[in-house]
Amino acid sequence: MQDTFSVAAIVTSFGIALLITVVMWIAHRRFEQRRFWLSATVLTAALIAIGVVDLLSATPRETPFTTVILGAAMPVFGVAGLIRATRLLPAWVRLPIAYCVAVILLYGGLLLGATVVPRFFIF
């Protein structure tokens, strides 16, 4: 049986949000617009692949795959859009905002993917 509150899971989620923020920040500084969105797509695909492998290793599998898909896509594309939209702000303002949005969208995507979306898509 899994714990309701897991410190390791909370620390991992904050680490994933930090990873998303740092990777999108580096991609924004290095690439032009097309490659920036391509790197966001690659990061989303990598996070989905890691999540699917984790889901497939769990027995019994009670979590739907939509949890992984939305839990990876929402924070990555949300932070990517936020970083692109706040180009005129200084970095000391943009990075904390992007990190907070990444955390909120990560939990929101996991919650939406686990509760609402499986009612419409069964897989």
PDB file of N, CA and C in Angstrom:
ATOM      1  N   MET A   1       0.835  -1.186   0.000  1.00  0.00           N
ATOM      2  CA  MET A   1       0.000   0.000   0.000  1.00  0.00           C
ATOM      3  C   MET A   1       0.877   1.246   0.000  1.00  0.00           C
ATOM      4  N   GLN A   2       0.486   2.215  -0.783  1.00  0.00           N
ATOM      5  CA  GLN A   2       1.265   3.435  -0.891  1.00  0.00           C
ATOM      6  C   GLN A   2       0.814   4.446   0.151  1.00  0.00           C
ATOM      7  N   ASP A   3       1.755   5.280   0.581  1.00  0.00           N
ATOM      8  CA  ASP A   3       1.437   6.311   1.566  1.00  0.00           C
ATOM      9  C   ASP A   3       0.623   7.427   0.922  1.00  0.00           C
ATOM     10  N   THR A   4      -0.200   8.068   1.734  1.00  0.00           N
ATOM     11  CA  THR A   4      -0.970   9.212   1.245  1.00  0.00           C
ATOM     12  C   THR A   4      -0.059  10.409   1.036  1.00  0.00           C
ATOM     13  N   PHE A   5       0.857  10.611   1.954  1.00  0.00           N
ATOM     14  CA  PHE A   5       1.786  11.733   1.882  1.00  0.00           C
ATOM     15  C   PHE A   5       3.198  11.172   1.830  1.00  0.00           C
ATOM     16  N   SER A   6       3.875  11.393   0.735  1.00  0.00           N
ATOM     17  CA  SER A   6       5.223  10.873   0.568  1.00  0.00           C
ATOM     18  C   SER A   6       6.183  12.036   0.343  1.00  0.00           C
ATOM     19  N   VAL A   7       7.151  12.159   1.237  1.00  0.00           N
ATOM     20  CA  VAL A   7       8.141  13.233   1.121  1.00  0.00           C
ATOM     21  C   VAL A   7       8.968  13.049  -0.151  1.00  0.00           C
ATOM     22  N   ALA A   8       9.287  11.807  -0.481  1.00  0.00           N
ATOM     23  CA  ALA A   8      10.071  11.553  -1.695  1.00  0.00           C
ATOM     24  C   ALA A   8       9.312  11.979  -2.945  1.00  0.00           C
ATOM     25  N   ALA A   9       8.007  11.744  -2.981  1.00  0.00           N
ATOM     26  CA  ALA A   9       7.215  12.149  -4.138  1.00  0.00           C
ATOM     27  C   ALA A   9       7.121  13.667  -4.254  1.00  0.00           C
ATOM     28  N   ILE A  10       7.001  14.351  -3.132  1.00  0.00           N
ATOM     29  CA  ILE A  10       6.937  15.820  -3.155  1.00  0.00           C
ATOM     30  C   ILE A  10       8.265  16.404  -3.625  1.00  0.00           C
ATOM     31  N   VAL A  11       9.371  15.887  -3.096  1.00  0.00           N
ATOM     32  CA  VAL A  11      10.695  16.372  -3.486  1.00  0.00           C
ATOM     33  C   VAL A  11      10.942  16.083  -4.964  1.00  0.00           C
ATOM     34  N   THR A  12      10.525  14.908  -5.427  1.00  0.00           N
ATOM     35  CA  THR A  12      10.684  14.561  -6.843  1.00  0.00           C
ATOM     36  C   THR A  12       9.872  15.500  -7.725  1.00  0.00           C
ATOM     37  N   SER A  13       8.659  15.832  -7.313  1.00  0.00           N
ATOM     38  CA  SER A  13       7.826  16.723  -8.130  1.00  0.00           C
ATOM     39  C   SER A  13       8.428  18.126  -8.204  1.00  0.00           C
ATOM     40  N   PHE A  14       8.964  18.622  -7.091  1.00  0.00           N
ATOM     41  CA  PHE A  14       9.623  19.924  -7.135  1.00  0.00           C
ATOM     42  C   PHE A  14      10.893  19.868  -7.989  1.00  0.00           C
ATOM     43  N   GLY A  15      11.587  18.735  -7.961  1.00  0.00           N
ATOM     44  CA  GLY A  15      12.761  18.560  -8.822  1.00  0.00           C
ATOM     45  C   GLY A  15      12.395  18.520 -10.297  1.00  0.00           C
ATOM     46  N   ILE A  16      11.278  17.852 -10.623  1.00  0.00           N
ATOM     47  CA  ILE A  16      10.820  17.808 -12.017  1.00  0.00           C
ATOM     48  C   ILE A  16      10.427  19.198 -12.495  1.00  0.00           C
ATOM     49  N   ALA A  17       9.745  19.962 -11.632  1.00  0.00           N
ATOM     50  CA  ALA A  17       9.380  21.335 -12.006  1.00  0.00           C
ATOM     51  C   ALA A  17      10.625  22.194 -12.212  1.00  0.00           C
ATOM     52  N   LEU A  18      11.636  21.994 -11.379  1.00  0.00           N
ATOM     53  CA  LEU A  18      12.896  22.731 -11.553  1.00  0.00           C
ATOM     54  C   LEU A  18      13.587  22.325 -12.848  1.00  0.00           C
ATOM     55  N   LEU A  19      13.588  21.031 -13.143  1.00  0.00           N
ATOM     56  CA  LEU A  19      14.168  20.538 -14.396  1.00  0.00           C
ATOM     57  C   LEU A  19      13.470  21.156 -15.604  1.00  0.00           C
ATOM     58  N   ILE A  20      12.155  21.182 -15.583  1.00  0.00           N
ATOM     59  CA  ILE A  20      11.392  21.765 -16.689  1.00  0.00           C
ATOM     60  C   ILE A  20      11.755  23.235 -16.862  1.00  0.00           C
ATOM     61  N   THR A  21      11.807  23.968 -15.759  1.00  0.00           N
ATOM     62  CA  THR A  21      12.115  25.399 -15.836  1.00  0.00           C
ATOM     63  C   THR A  21      13.521  25.638 -16.382  1.00  0.00           C
ATOM     64  N   VAL A  22      14.491  24.893 -15.895  1.00  0.00           N
ATOM     65  CA  VAL A  22      15.887  25.094 -16.328  1.00  0.00           C
ATOM     66  C   VAL A  22      16.052  24.714 -17.794  1.00  0.00           C
ATOM     67  N   VAL A  23      15.484  23.575 -18.206  1.00  0.00           N
ATOM     68  CA  VAL A  23      15.630  23.142 -19.602  1.00  0.00           C
ATOM     69  C   VAL A  23      14.966  24.136 -20.554  1.00  0.00           C
ATOM     70  N   MET A  24      13.792  24.626 -20.185  1.00  0.00           N
ATOM     71  CA  MET A  24      13.113  25.588 -21.065  1.00  0.00           C
ATOM     72  C   MET A  24      13.853  26.927 -21.084  1.00  0.00           C
ATOM     73  N   TRP A  25      14.465  27.315 -19.960  1.00  0.00           N
ATOM     74  CA  TRP A  25      15.234  28.552 -19.924  1.00  0.00           C
ATOM     75  C   TRP A  25      16.469  28.446 -20.819  1.00  0.00           C
ATOM     76  N   ILE A  26      17.174  27.318 -20.731  1.00  0.00           N
ATOM     77  CA  ILE A  26      18.361  27.111 -21.562  1.00  0.00           C
ATOM     78  C   ILE A  26      17.971  27.039 -23.036  1.00  0.00           C
ATOM     79  N   ALA A  27      16.885  26.354 -23.341  1.00  0.00           N
ATOM     80  CA  ALA A  27      16.437  26.257 -24.730  1.00  0.00           C
ATOM     81  C   ALA A  27      16.029  27.626 -25.277  1.00  0.00           C
ATOM     82  N   HIS A  28      15.437  28.454 -24.435  1.00  0.00           N
ATOM     83  CA  HIS A  28      15.035  29.789 -24.885  1.00  0.00           C
ATOM     84  C   HIS A  28      16.251  30.661 -25.176  1.00  0.00           C
ATOM     85  N   ARG A  29      17.285  30.525 -24.386  1.00  0.00           N
ATOM     86  CA  ARG A  29      18.470  31.350 -24.590  1.00  0.00           C
ATOM     87  C   ARG A  29      19.316  30.883 -25.767  1.00  0.00           C
ATOM     88  N   ARG A  30      19.247  29.584 -26.107  1.00  0.00           N
ATOM     89  CA  ARG A  30      20.123  29.040 -27.148  1.00  0.00           C
ATOM     90  C   ARG A  30      19.494  28.985 -28.532  1.00  0.00           C
ATOM     91  N   PHE A  31      18.221  28.686 -28.627  1.00  0.00           N
ATOM     92  CA  PHE A  31      17.608  28.389 -29.916  1.00  0.00           C
ATOM     93  C   PHE A  31      16.659  29.493 -30.348  1.00  0.00           C
ATOM     94  N   GLU A  32      16.370  29.495 -31.653  1.00  0.00           N
ATOM     95  CA  GLU A  32      15.337  30.386 -32.139  1.00  0.00           C
ATOM     96  C   GLU A  32      13.974  29.758 -31.835  1.00  0.00           C
ATOM     97  N   GLN A  33      12.919  30.416 -32.269  1.00  0.00           N
ATOM     98  CA  GLN A  33      11.578  30.029 -31.854  1.00  0.00           C
ATOM     99  C   GLN A  33      11.204  28.594 -32.245  1.00  0.00           C
ATOM    100  N   ARG A  34      11.494  28.178 -33.464  1.00  0.00           N
ATOM    101  CA  ARG A  34      11.097  26.845 -33.909  1.00  0.00           C
ATOM    102  C   ARG A  34      11.810  25.751 -33.109  1.00  0.00           C
ATOM    103  N   ARG A  35      13.106  25.901 -32.910  1.00  0.00           N
ATOM    104  CA  ARG A  35      13.844  24.896 -32.144  1.00  0.00           C
ATOM    105  C   ARG A  35      13.466  24.924 -30.668  1.00  0.00           C
ATOM    106  N   PHE A  36      13.049  26.080 -30.173  1.00  0.00           N
ATOM    107  CA  PHE A  36      12.594  26.179 -28.788  1.00  0.00           C
ATOM    108  C   PHE A  36      11.358  25.315 -28.574  1.00  0.00           C
ATOM    109  N   TRP A  37      10.383  25.428 -29.475  1.00  0.00           N
ATOM    110  CA  TRP A  37       9.169  24.616 -29.333  1.00  0.00           C
ATOM    111  C   TRP A  37       9.456  23.146 -29.611  1.00  0.00           C
ATOM    112  N   LEU A  38      10.405  22.869 -30.466  1.00  0.00           N
ATOM    113  CA  LEU A  38      10.805  21.487 -30.702  1.00  0.00           C
ATOM    114  C   LEU A  38      11.455  20.887 -29.452  1.00  0.00           C
ATOM    115  N   SER A  39      12.269  21.672 -28.767  1.00  0.00           N
ATOM    116  CA  SER A  39      12.869  21.173 -27.535  1.00  0.00           C
ATOM    117  C   SER A  39      11.815  20.969 -26.447  1.00  0.00           C
ATOM    118  N   ALA A  40      10.773  21.793 -26.434  1.00  0.00           N
ATOM    119  CA  ALA A  40       9.665  21.583 -25.495  1.00  0.00           C
ATOM    120  C   ALA A  40       8.942  20.275 -25.806  1.00  0.00           C
ATOM    121  N   THR A  41       8.766  19.983 -27.079  1.00  0.00           N
ATOM    122  CA  THR A  41       8.123  18.734 -27.478  1.00  0.00           C
ATOM    123  C   THR A  41       8.977  17.526 -27.104  1.00  0.00           C
ATOM    124  N   VAL A  42      10.278  17.626 -27.308  1.00  0.00           N
ATOM    125  CA  VAL A  42      11.182  16.522 -26.966  1.00  0.00           C
ATOM    126  C   VAL A  42      11.193  16.299 -25.452  1.00  0.00           C
ATOM    127  N   LEU A  43      11.211  17.378 -24.671  1.00  0.00           N
ATOM    128  CA  LEU A  43      11.172  17.246 -23.216  1.00  0.00           C
ATOM    129  C   LEU A  43       9.860  16.604 -22.762  1.00  0.00           C
ATOM    130  N   THR A  44       8.758  16.990 -23.379  1.00  0.00           N
ATOM    131  CA  THR A  44       7.463  16.392 -23.048  1.00  0.00           C
ATOM    132  C   THR A  44       7.466  14.903 -23.374  1.00  0.00           C
ATOM    133  N   ALA A  45       7.969  14.542 -24.535  1.00  0.00           N
ATOM    134  CA  ALA A  45       8.022  13.128 -24.917  1.00  0.00           C
ATOM    135  C   ALA A  45       8.906  12.325 -23.971  1.00  0.00           C
ATOM    136  N   ALA A  46      10.021  12.904 -23.542  1.00  0.00           N
ATOM    137  CA  ALA A  46      10.909  12.203 -22.606  1.00  0.00           C
ATOM    138  C   ALA A  46      10.234  12.001 -21.254  1.00  0.00           C
ATOM    139  N   LEU A  47       9.550  13.024 -20.760  1.00  0.00           N
ATOM    140  CA  LEU A  47       8.855  12.890 -19.480  1.00  0.00           C
ATOM    141  C   LEU A  47       7.706  11.887 -19.573  1.00  0.00           C
ATOM    142  N   ILE A  48       7.008  11.872 -20.706  1.00  0.00           N
ATOM    143  CA  ILE A  48       5.930  10.894 -20.900  1.00  0.00           C
ATOM    144  C   ILE A  48       6.502   9.487 -20.934  1.00  0.00           C
ATOM    145  N   ALA A  49       7.621   9.295 -21.623  1.00  0.00           N
ATOM    146  CA  ALA A  49       8.237   7.965 -21.695  1.00  0.00           C
ATOM    147  C   ALA A  49       8.669   7.484 -20.312  1.00  0.00           C
ATOM    148  N   ILE A  50       9.268   8.359 -19.520  1.00  0.00           N
ATOM    149  CA  ILE A  50       9.671   7.984 -18.163  1.00  0.00           C
ATOM    150  C   ILE A  50       8.446   7.638 -17.323  1.00  0.00           C
ATOM    151  N   GLY A  51       7.385   8.425 -17.457  1.00  0.00           N
ATOM    152  CA  GLY A  51       6.168   8.166 -16.700  1.00  0.00           C
ATOM    153  C   GLY A  51       5.478   6.878 -17.098  1.00  0.00           C
ATOM    154  N   VAL A  52       5.454   6.571 -18.389  1.00  0.00           N
ATOM    155  CA  VAL A  52       4.827   5.329 -18.857  1.00  0.00           C
ATOM    156  C   VAL A  52       5.615   4.118 -18.355  1.00  0.00           C
ATOM    157  N   VAL A  53       6.932   4.197 -18.390  1.00  0.00           N
ATOM    158  CA  VAL A  53       7.746   3.094 -17.861  1.00  0.00           C
ATOM    159  C   VAL A  53       7.474   2.905 -16.371  1.00  0.00           C
ATOM    160  N   ASP A  54       7.346   3.999 -15.641  1.00  0.00           N
ATOM    161  CA  ASP A  54       7.044   3.909 -14.215  1.00  0.00           C
ATOM    162  C   ASP A  54       5.654   3.310 -13.982  1.00  0.00           C
ATOM    163  N   LEU A  55       4.680   3.705 -14.800  1.00  0.00           N
ATOM    164  CA  LEU A  55       3.333   3.143 -14.662  1.00  0.00           C
ATOM    165  C   LEU A  55       3.295   1.659 -14.979  1.00  0.00           C
ATOM    166  N   LEU A  56       4.021   1.255 -16.010  1.00  0.00           N
ATOM    167  CA  LEU A  56       4.011  -0.151 -16.397  1.00  0.00           C
ATOM    168  C   LEU A  56       4.724  -1.039 -15.383  1.00  0.00           C
ATOM    169  N   SER A  57       5.625  -0.463 -14.601  1.00  0.00           N
ATOM    170  CA  SER A  57       6.333  -1.267 -13.606  1.00  0.00           C
ATOM    171  C   SER A  57       5.525  -1.441 -12.325  1.00  0.00           C
ATOM    172  N   ALA A  58       4.493  -0.632 -12.131  1.00  0.00           N
ATOM    173  CA  ALA A  58       3.687  -0.721 -10.913  1.00  0.00           C
ATOM    174  C   ALA A  58       2.653  -1.827 -11.037  1.00  0.00           C
ATOM    175  N   THR A  59       2.484  -2.582  -9.960  1.00  0.00           N
ATOM    176  CA  THR A  59       1.441  -3.602  -9.924  1.00  0.00           C
ATOM    177  C   THR A  59       0.634  -3.416  -8.652  1.00  0.00           C
ATOM    178  N   PRO A  60      -0.642  -3.380  -8.673  1.00  0.00           N
ATOM    179  CA  PRO A  60      -1.507  -3.288  -9.852  1.00  0.00           C
ATOM    180  C   PRO A  60      -1.507  -1.864 -10.404  1.00  0.00           C
ATOM    181  N   ARG A  61      -1.705  -1.742 -11.682  1.00  0.00           N
ATOM    182  CA  ARG A  61      -1.707  -0.430 -12.332  1.00  0.00           C
ATOM    183  C   ARG A  61      -3.090   0.190 -12.192  1.00  0.00           C
ATOM    184  N   GLU A  62      -3.196   1.167 -11.317  1.00  0.00           N
ATOM    185  CA  GLU A  62      -4.467   1.837 -11.058  1.00  0.00           C
ATOM    186  C   GLU A  62      -4.521   3.228 -11.664  1.00  0.00           C
ATOM    187  N   THR A  63      -3.393   3.735 -12.098  1.00  0.00           N
ATOM    188  CA  THR A  63      -3.319   5.094 -12.638  1.00  0.00           C
ATOM    189  C   THR A  63      -3.450   5.065 -14.148  1.00  0.00           C
ATOM    190  N   PRO A  64      -4.351   5.886 -14.723  1.00  0.00           N
ATOM    191  CA  PRO A  64      -4.484   5.896 -16.187  1.00  0.00           C
ATOM    192  C   PRO A  64      -3.310   6.621 -16.856  1.00  0.00           C
ATOM    193  N   PHE A  65      -3.106   6.315 -18.120  1.00  0.00           N
ATOM    194  CA  PHE A  65      -2.012   6.927 -18.877  1.00  0.00           C
ATOM    195  C   PHE A  65      -2.236   8.415 -19.116  1.00  0.00           C
ATOM    196  N   THR A  66      -3.485   8.863 -19.067  1.00  0.00           N
ATOM    197  CA  THR A  66      -3.746  10.293 -19.254  1.00  0.00           C
ATOM    198  C   THR A  66      -3.121  11.127 -18.146  1.00  0.00           C
ATOM    199  N   THR A  67      -2.906  10.525 -16.993  1.00  0.00           N
ATOM    200  CA  THR A  67      -2.233  11.236 -15.902  1.00  0.00           C
ATOM    201  C   THR A  67      -0.819  11.615 -16.309  1.00  0.00           C
ATOM    202  N   VAL A  68      -0.121  10.682 -16.917  1.00  0.00           N
ATOM    203  CA  VAL A  68       1.255  10.933 -17.341  1.00  0.00           C
ATOM    204  C   VAL A  68       1.284  11.944 -18.490  1.00  0.00           C
ATOM    205  N   ILE A  69       0.366  11.798 -19.432  1.00  0.00           N
ATOM    206  CA  ILE A  69       0.366  12.673 -20.605  1.00  0.00           C
ATOM    207  C   ILE A  69       0.107  14.126 -20.204  1.00  0.00           C
ATOM    208  N   LEU A  70      -0.950  14.358 -19.436  1.00  0.00           N
ATOM    209  CA  LEU A  70      -1.245  15.730 -19.021  1.00  0.00           C
ATOM    210  C   LEU A  70      -0.260  16.237 -17.979  1.00  0.00           C
ATOM    211  N   GLY A  71       0.224  15.345 -17.114  1.00  0.00           N
ATOM    212  CA  GLY A  71       1.198  15.753 -16.114  1.00  0.00           C
ATOM    213  C   GLY A  71       2.531  16.169 -16.701  1.00  0.00           C
ATOM    214  N   ALA A  72       2.827  15.719 -17.907  1.00  0.00           N
ATOM    215  CA  ALA A  72       4.063  16.135 -18.576  1.00  0.00           C
ATOM    216  C   ALA A  72       3.822  17.306 -19.528  1.00  0.00           C
ATOM    217  N   ALA A  73       2.728  17.272 -20.256  1.00  0.00           N
ATOM    218  CA  ALA A  73       2.501  18.280 -21.292  1.00  0.00           C
ATOM    219  C   ALA A  73       2.127  19.648 -20.728  1.00  0.00           C
ATOM    220  N   MET A  74       1.277  19.669 -19.719  1.00  0.00           N
ATOM    221  CA  MET A  74       0.828  20.963 -19.207  1.00  0.00           C
ATOM    222  C   MET A  74       1.948  21.832 -18.638  1.00  0.00           C
ATOM    223  N   PRO A  75       2.805  21.305 -17.756  1.00  0.00           N
ATOM    224  CA  PRO A  75       3.851  22.193 -17.242  1.00  0.00           C
ATOM    225  C   PRO A  75       4.902  22.581 -18.273  1.00  0.00           C
ATOM    226  N   VAL A  76       5.247  21.665 -19.160  1.00  0.00           N
ATOM    227  CA  VAL A  76       6.293  21.986 -20.142  1.00  0.00           C
ATOM    228  C   VAL A  76       5.818  23.077 -21.094  1.00  0.00           C
ATOM    229  N   PHE A  77       4.648  22.900 -21.687  1.00  0.00           N
ATOM    230  CA  PHE A  77       4.177  23.903 -22.642  1.00  0.00           C
ATOM    231  C   PHE A  77       3.711  25.177 -21.946  1.00  0.00           C
ATOM    232  N   GLY A  78       3.240  25.059 -20.718  1.00  0.00           N
ATOM    233  CA  GLY A  78       2.884  26.258 -19.958  1.00  0.00           C
ATOM    234  C   GLY A  78       4.096  27.109 -19.645  1.00  0.00           C
ATOM    235  N   VAL A  79       5.166  26.479 -19.186  1.00  0.00           N
ATOM    236  CA  VAL A  79       6.397  27.215 -18.882  1.00  0.00           C
ATOM    237  C   VAL A  79       7.042  27.739 -20.159  1.00  0.00           C
ATOM    238  N   ALA A  80       6.984  26.949 -21.225  1.00  0.00           N
ATOM    239  CA  ALA A  80       7.546  27.414 -22.503  1.00  0.00           C
ATOM    240  C   ALA A  80       6.822  28.671 -22.982  1.00  0.00           C
ATOM    241  N   GLY A  81       5.510  28.653 -22.919  1.00  0.00           N
ATOM    242  CA  GLY A  81       4.745  29.835 -23.322  1.00  0.00           C
ATOM    243  C   GLY A  81       4.992  31.014 -22.410  1.00  0.00           C
ATOM    244  N   LEU A  82       5.128  30.759 -21.123  1.00  0.00           N
ATOM    245  CA  LEU A  82       5.377  31.839 -20.176  1.00  0.00           C
ATOM    246  C   LEU A  82       6.751  32.463 -20.389  1.00  0.00           C
ATOM    247  N   ILE A  83       7.742  31.637 -20.625  1.00  0.00           N
ATOM    248  CA  ILE A  83       9.090  32.168 -20.868  1.00  0.00           C
ATOM    249  C   ILE A  83       9.119  32.993 -22.156  1.00  0.00           C
ATOM    250  N   ARG A  84       8.420  32.531 -23.181  1.00  0.00           N
ATOM    251  CA  ARG A  84       8.362  33.303 -24.431  1.00  0.00           C
ATOM    252  C   ARG A  84       7.570  34.605 -24.254  1.00  0.00           C
ATOM    253  N   ALA A  85       6.534  34.561 -23.435  1.00  0.00           N
ATOM    254  CA  ALA A  85       5.670  35.736 -23.289  1.00  0.00           C
ATOM    255  C   ALA A  85       6.280  36.821 -22.414  1.00  0.00           C
ATOM    256  N   THR A  86       7.207  36.469 -21.544  1.00  0.00           N
ATOM    257  CA  THR A  86       7.773  37.449 -20.620  1.00  0.00           C
ATOM    258  C   THR A  86       9.203  37.821 -20.992  1.00  0.00           C
ATOM    259  N   ARG A  87       9.473  37.922 -22.274  1.00  0.00           N
ATOM    260  CA  ARG A  87      10.829  38.232 -22.727  1.00  0.00           C
ATOM    261  C   ARG A  87      11.332  39.585 -22.239  1.00  0.00           C
ATOM    262  N   LEU A  88      10.445  40.540 -22.024  1.00  0.00           N
ATOM    263  CA  LEU A  88      10.885  41.882 -21.645  1.00  0.00           C
ATOM    264  C   LEU A  88      11.199  42.018 -20.161  1.00  0.00           C
ATOM    265  N   LEU A  89      10.799  41.056 -19.352  1.00  0.00           N
ATOM    266  CA  LEU A  89      11.088  41.117 -17.922  1.00  0.00           C
ATOM    267  C   LEU A  89      12.508  40.647 -17.634  1.00  0.00           C
ATOM    268  N   PRO A  90      13.090  41.116 -16.551  1.00  0.00           N
ATOM    269  CA  PRO A  90      14.429  40.617 -16.187  1.00  0.00           C
ATOM    270  C   PRO A  90      14.363  39.167 -15.724  1.00  0.00           C
ATOM    271  N   ALA A  91      15.505  38.501 -15.781  1.00  0.00           N
ATOM    272  CA  ALA A  91      15.558  37.074 -15.469  1.00  0.00           C
ATOM    273  C   ALA A  91      15.202  36.784 -14.011  1.00  0.00           C
ATOM    274  N   TRP A  92      15.528  37.683 -13.101  1.00  0.00           N
ATOM    275  CA  TRP A  92      15.239  37.435 -11.689  1.00  0.00           C
ATOM    276  C   TRP A  92      13.745  37.463 -11.404  1.00  0.00           C
ATOM    277  N   VAL A  93      12.952  37.991 -12.312  1.00  0.00           N
ATOM    278  CA  VAL A  93      11.494  37.958 -12.175  1.00  0.00           C
ATOM    279  C   VAL A  93      10.926  36.749 -12.925  1.00  0.00           C
ATOM    280  N   ARG A  94      11.458  36.496 -14.106  1.00  0.00           N
ATOM    281  CA  ARG A  94      10.917  35.431 -14.958  1.00  0.00           C
ATOM    282  C   ARG A  94      11.110  34.037 -14.381  1.00  0.00           C
ATOM    283  N   LEU A  95      12.293  33.748 -13.878  1.00  0.00           N
ATOM    284  CA  LEU A  95      12.588  32.391 -13.413  1.00  0.00           C
ATOM    285  C   LEU A  95      11.751  31.954 -12.209  1.00  0.00           C
ATOM    286  N   PRO A  96      11.598  32.771 -11.167  1.00  0.00           N
ATOM    287  CA  PRO A  96      10.725  32.325 -10.071  1.00  0.00           C
ATOM    288  C   PRO A  96       9.267  32.164 -10.489  1.00  0.00           C
ATOM    289  N   ILE A  97       8.797  33.042 -11.354  1.00  0.00           N
ATOM    290  CA  ILE A  97       7.426  32.917 -11.838  1.00  0.00           C
ATOM    291  C   ILE A  97       7.273  31.642 -12.658  1.00  0.00           C
ATOM    292  N   ALA A  98       8.240  31.369 -13.517  1.00  0.00           N
ATOM    293  CA  ALA A  98       8.174  30.152 -14.340  1.00  0.00           C
ATOM    294  C   ALA A  98       8.218  28.904 -13.466  1.00  0.00           C
ATOM    295  N   TYR A  99       9.027  28.920 -12.415  1.00  0.00           N
ATOM    296  CA  TYR A  99       9.099  27.757 -11.527  1.00  0.00           C
ATOM    297  C   TYR A  99       7.776  27.548 -10.782  1.00  0.00           C
ATOM    298  N   CYS A 100       7.197  28.612 -10.269  1.00  0.00           N
ATOM    299  CA  CYS A 100       5.907  28.489  -9.568  1.00  0.00           C
ATOM    300  C   CYS A 100       4.817  27.990 -10.507  1.00  0.00           C
ATOM    301  N   VAL A 101       4.810  28.488 -11.719  1.00  0.00           N
ATOM    302  CA  VAL A 101       3.825  28.027 -12.696  1.00  0.00           C
ATOM    303  C   VAL A 101       4.070  26.570 -13.051  1.00  0.00           C
ATOM    304  N   ALA A 102       5.324  26.160 -13.136  1.00  0.00           N
ATOM    305  CA  ALA A 102       5.635  24.755 -13.429  1.00  0.00           C
ATOM    306  C   ALA A 102       5.113  23.837 -12.327  1.00  0.00           C
ATOM    307  N   VAL A 103       5.284  24.229 -11.078  1.00  0.00           N
ATOM    308  CA  VAL A 103       4.790  23.412  -9.963  1.00  0.00           C
ATOM    309  C   VAL A 103       3.273  23.329 -10.001  1.00  0.00           C
ATOM    310  N   ILE A 104       2.617  24.470 -10.188  1.00  0.00           N
ATOM    311  CA  ILE A 104       1.150  24.498 -10.211  1.00  0.00           C
ATOM    312  C   ILE A 104       0.613  23.678 -11.379  1.00  0.00           C
ATOM    313  N   LEU A 105       1.192  23.844 -12.558  1.00  0.00           N
ATOM    314  CA  LEU A 105       0.711  23.098 -13.722  1.00  0.00           C
ATOM    315  C   LEU A 105       1.057  21.612 -13.640  1.00  0.00           C
ATOM    316  N   LEU A 106       2.147  21.268 -12.977  1.00  0.00           N
ATOM    317  CA  LEU A 106       2.473  19.856 -12.794  1.00  0.00           C
ATOM    318  C   LEU A 106       1.406  19.176 -11.941  1.00  0.00           C
ATOM    319  N   TYR A 107       1.100  19.763 -10.803  1.00  0.00           N
ATOM    320  CA  TYR A 107       0.056  19.179  -9.953  1.00  0.00           C
ATOM    321  C   TYR A 107      -1.318  19.257 -10.604  1.00  0.00           C
ATOM    322  N   GLY A 108      -1.592  20.352 -11.284  1.00  0.00           N
ATOM    323  CA  GLY A 108      -2.874  20.472 -11.979  1.00  0.00           C
ATOM    324  C   GLY A 108      -3.022  19.467 -13.103  1.00  0.00           C
ATOM    325  N   GLY A 109      -1.952  19.257 -13.866  1.00  0.00           N
ATOM    326  CA  GLY A 109      -1.998  18.274 -14.944  1.00  0.00           C
ATOM    327  C   GLY A 109      -2.159  16.861 -14.430  1.00  0.00           C
ATOM    328  N   LEU A 110      -1.461  16.541 -13.333  1.00  0.00           N
ATOM    329  CA  LEU A 110      -1.614  15.211 -12.746  1.00  0.00           C
ATOM    330  C   LEU A 110      -3.024  15.003 -12.209  1.00  0.00           C
ATOM    331  N   LEU A 111      -3.566  16.032 -11.579  1.00  0.00           N
ATOM    332  CA  LEU A 111      -4.921  15.928 -11.036  1.00  0.00           C
ATOM    333  C   LEU A 111      -5.953  15.802 -12.143  1.00  0.00           C
ATOM    334  N   LEU A 112      -5.834  16.625 -13.165  1.00  0.00           N
ATOM    335  CA  LEU A 112      -6.771  16.562 -14.296  1.00  0.00           C
ATOM    336  C   LEU A 112      -6.659  15.238 -15.033  1.00  0.00           C
ATOM    337  N   GLY A 113      -5.437  14.792 -15.241  1.00  0.00           N
ATOM    338  CA  GLY A 113      -5.225  13.534 -15.950  1.00  0.00           C
ATOM    339  C   GLY A 113      -5.676  12.320 -15.175  1.00  0.00           C
ATOM    340  N   ALA A 114      -5.733  12.423 -13.855  1.00  0.00           N
ATOM    341  CA  ALA A 114      -6.144  11.287 -13.040  1.00  0.00           C
ATOM    342  C   ALA A 114      -7.646  11.253 -12.782  1.00  0.00           C
ATOM    343  N   THR A 115      -8.315  12.407 -12.870  1.00  0.00           N
ATOM    344  CA  THR A 115      -9.717  12.430 -12.466  1.00  0.00           C
ATOM    345  C   THR A 115     -10.689  12.730 -13.598  1.00  0.00           C
ATOM    346  N   VAL A 116     -10.489  13.814 -14.303  1.00  0.00           N
ATOM    347  CA  VAL A 116     -11.493  14.275 -15.265  1.00  0.00           C
ATOM    348  C   VAL A 116     -11.350  13.595 -16.621  1.00  0.00           C
ATOM    349  N   VAL A 117     -10.170  13.602 -17.176  1.00  0.00           N
ATOM    350  CA  VAL A 117      -9.955  13.119 -18.541  1.00  0.00           C
ATOM    351  C   VAL A 117     -10.249  11.631 -18.711  1.00  0.00           C
ATOM    352  N   PRO A 118      -9.938  10.755 -17.736  1.00  0.00           N
ATOM    353  CA  PRO A 118     -10.245   9.328 -17.939  1.00  0.00           C
ATOM    354  C   PRO A 118     -11.729   9.015 -18.097  1.00  0.00           C
ATOM    355  N   ARG A 119     -12.581   9.930 -17.725  1.00  0.00           N
ATOM    356  CA  ARG A 119     -14.018   9.717 -17.942  1.00  0.00           C
ATOM    357  C   ARG A 119     -14.376   9.775 -19.423  1.00  0.00           C
ATOM    358  N   PHE A 120     -13.566  10.479 -20.195  1.00  0.00           N
ATOM    359  CA  PHE A 120     -13.854  10.641 -21.629  1.00  0.00           C
ATOM    360  C   PHE A 120     -12.974   9.782 -22.504  1.00  0.00           C
ATOM    361  N   PHE A 121     -11.724   9.505 -22.063  1.00  0.00           N
ATOM    362  CA  PHE A 121     -10.785   8.701 -22.824  1.00  0.00           C
ATOM    363  C   PHE A 121     -10.366   7.508 -21.987  1.00  0.00           C
ATOM    364  N   ILE A 122     -10.664   6.328 -22.456  1.00  0.00           N
ATOM    365  CA  ILE A 122     -10.342   5.131 -21.696  1.00  0.00           C
ATOM    366  C   ILE A 122      -9.074   4.494 -22.287  1.00  0.00           C
ATOM    367  N   PHE A 123      -7.943   4.680 -21.629  1.00  0.00           N
ATOM    368  CA  PHE A 123      -6.708   3.982 -21.951  1.00  0.00           C
ATOM    369  C   PHE A 123      -5.690   4.195 -20.877  1.00  0.00           C
TER     370      PHE A 123
END
